[in-house]
Amino acid sequence: MLDDPAPGVVREVTLAVLPSAGLVPGEWLAERLDAGWPRHVRLAAFRLLLVRGGAPGQRALLAFRDDPDGLLRERAARAALR
């Protein structure tokens, strides 16, 4: 359901999955950071990877550091400061 075309569905699923983010395969999430995915899917994957922390979270921050989408770049910059 994280790949749903409706941003509201993905947002709600992300909120429900956040407490168990470590159970979602990191590689599967990392694939969804690619610019070919809709913004809401990319953002959901980013949030879940950050919650996982460690190397997956760092890769998510790096993936969006130079992203063409200003919103995603800004979120990555804010998350990196934490």
C-alpha atoms as a PDB file:
ATOM      1  CA  MET A   1       0.000   0.000   0.000  1.00  0.00           C
ATOM      2  CA  LEU A   2       3.040   2.286   0.169  1.00  0.00           C
ATOM      3  CA  ASP A   3       2.940   2.316  -3.639  1.00  0.00           C
ATOM      4  CA  ASP A   4      -0.688   3.466  -3.792  1.00  0.00           C
ATOM      5  CA  PRO A   5      -1.354   6.269  -6.301  1.00  0.00           C
ATOM      6  CA  ALA A   6      -3.348   8.201  -3.677  1.00  0.00           C
ATOM      7  CA  PRO A   7      -1.103  10.359  -1.455  1.00  0.00           C
ATOM      8  CA  GLY A   8      -3.588  10.165   1.435  1.00  0.00           C
ATOM      9  CA  VAL A   9      -3.472   6.377   1.474  1.00  0.00           C
ATOM     10  CA  VAL A  10       0.331   6.343   1.469  1.00  0.00           C
ATOM     11  CA  ARG A  11       0.413   8.954   4.243  1.00  0.00           C
ATOM     12  CA  GLU A  12      -1.892   6.889   6.478  1.00  0.00           C
ATOM     13  CA  VAL A  13      -0.054   3.636   5.762  1.00  0.00           C
ATOM     14  CA  THR A  14       3.241   5.337   6.568  1.00  0.00           C
ATOM     15  CA  LEU A  15       1.911   6.542   9.912  1.00  0.00           C
ATOM     16  CA  ALA A  16       0.701   3.038  10.716  1.00  0.00           C
ATOM     17  CA  VAL A  17       4.014   1.431   9.717  1.00  0.00           C
ATOM     18  CA  LEU A  18       6.366   3.942  11.396  1.00  0.00           C
ATOM     19  CA  PRO A  19       6.508   2.042  14.724  1.00  0.00           C
ATOM     20  CA  SER A  20       7.556  -1.106  12.820  1.00  0.00           C
ATOM     21  CA  ALA A  21       9.737   0.554  10.166  1.00  0.00           C
ATOM     22  CA  GLY A  22      12.581  -1.831  10.932  1.00  0.00           C
ATOM     23  CA  LEU A  23      10.501  -4.711   9.597  1.00  0.00           C
ATOM     24  CA  VAL A  24      10.129  -3.190   6.121  1.00  0.00           C
ATOM     25  CA  PRO A  25      13.007  -4.319   3.872  1.00  0.00           C
ATOM     26  CA  GLY A  26      15.502  -1.473   3.515  1.00  0.00           C
ATOM     27  CA  GLU A  27      16.344  -2.263  -0.099  1.00  0.00           C
ATOM     28  CA  TRP A  28      12.670  -2.191  -1.034  1.00  0.00           C
ATOM     29  CA  LEU A  29      12.338   1.241   0.563  1.00  0.00           C
ATOM     30  CA  ALA A  30      15.580   2.501  -0.985  1.00  0.00           C
ATOM     31  CA  GLU A  31      14.263   1.639  -4.458  1.00  0.00           C
ATOM     32  CA  ARG A  32      11.382   4.025  -3.827  1.00  0.00           C
ATOM     33  CA  LEU A  33      13.720   6.982  -3.332  1.00  0.00           C
ATOM     34  CA  ASP A  34      14.336   7.055  -7.078  1.00  0.00           C
ATOM     35  CA  ALA A  35      13.025  10.096  -8.952  1.00  0.00           C
ATOM     36  CA  GLY A  36      10.801   7.833 -11.080  1.00  0.00           C
ATOM     37  CA  TRP A  37       8.435   7.322  -8.145  1.00  0.00           C
ATOM     38  CA  PRO A  38       5.728   9.860  -7.217  1.00  0.00           C
ATOM     39  CA  ARG A  39       6.743  12.373  -4.544  1.00  0.00           C
ATOM     40  CA  HIS A  40       4.389  10.925  -1.916  1.00  0.00           C
ATOM     41  CA  VAL A  41       5.897   7.435  -2.331  1.00  0.00           C
ATOM     42  CA  ARG A  42       9.439   8.839  -2.194  1.00  0.00           C
ATOM     43  CA  LEU A  43       8.629  10.832   0.921  1.00  0.00           C
ATOM     44  CA  ALA A  44       7.093   7.803   2.641  1.00  0.00           C
ATOM     45  CA  ALA A  45      10.174   5.696   1.886  1.00  0.00           C
ATOM     46  CA  PHE A  46      12.397   8.523   3.145  1.00  0.00           C
ATOM     47  CA  ARG A  47      10.482   8.808   6.426  1.00  0.00           C
ATOM     48  CA  LEU A  48      10.594   5.070   7.027  1.00  0.00           C
ATOM     49  CA  LEU A  49      14.304   4.845   6.233  1.00  0.00           C
ATOM     50  CA  LEU A  50      15.070   7.710   8.614  1.00  0.00           C
ATOM     51  CA  VAL A  51      13.172   5.974  11.406  1.00  0.00           C
ATOM     52  CA  ARG A  52      15.196   2.822  10.730  1.00  0.00           C
ATOM     53  CA  GLY A  53      18.335   4.905  11.225  1.00  0.00           C
ATOM     54  CA  GLY A  54      21.852   3.605  10.701  1.00  0.00           C
ATOM     55  CA  ALA A  55      23.159   3.064   7.194  1.00  0.00           C
ATOM     56  CA  PRO A  56      19.684   3.007   5.547  1.00  0.00           C
ATOM     57  CA  GLY A  57      18.843   6.373   7.101  1.00  0.00           C
ATOM     58  CA  GLN A  58      22.151   7.858   5.994  1.00  0.00           C
ATOM     59  CA  ARG A  59      21.612   6.606   2.449  1.00  0.00           C
ATOM     60  CA  ALA A  60      18.190   8.253   2.421  1.00  0.00           C
ATOM     61  CA  LEU A  61      19.698  11.573   3.494  1.00  0.00           C
ATOM     62  CA  LEU A  62      22.355  11.328   0.800  1.00  0.00           C
ATOM     63  CA  ALA A  63      19.814  10.368  -1.852  1.00  0.00           C
ATOM     64  CA  PHE A  64      17.857  13.582  -1.319  1.00  0.00           C
ATOM     65  CA  ARG A  65      20.788  15.915  -0.662  1.00  0.00           C
ATOM     66  CA  ASP A  66      20.907  17.009  -4.320  1.00  0.00           C
ATOM     67  CA  ASP A  67      17.392  16.004  -5.370  1.00  0.00           C
ATOM     68  CA  PRO A  68      15.717  18.173  -8.006  1.00  0.00           C
ATOM     69  CA  ASP A  69      12.575  18.295  -5.828  1.00  0.00           C
ATOM     70  CA  GLY A  70      13.019  21.249  -3.483  1.00  0.00           C
ATOM     71  CA  LEU A  71      10.636  19.859  -0.852  1.00  0.00           C
ATOM     72  CA  LEU A  72      12.556  16.609  -0.559  1.00  0.00           C
ATOM     73  CA  ARG A  73      15.905  18.450  -0.468  1.00  0.00           C
ATOM     74  CA  GLU A  74      14.606  20.670   2.328  1.00  0.00           C
ATOM     75  CA  ARG A  75      13.311  17.741   4.368  1.00  0.00           C
ATOM     76  CA  ALA A  76      16.618  15.921   4.010  1.00  0.00           C
ATOM     77  CA  ALA A  77      18.533  19.032   5.089  1.00  0.00           C
ATOM     78  CA  ARG A  78      16.317  19.459   8.175  1.00  0.00           C
ATOM     79  CA  ALA A  79      16.605  15.771   9.066  1.00  0.00           C
ATOM     80  CA  ALA A  80      20.395  15.889   8.732  1.00  0.00           C
ATOM     81  CA  LEU A  81      20.526  18.622  11.379  1.00  0.00           C
ATOM     82  CA  ARG A  82      18.863  16.419  13.982  1.00  0.00           C
END
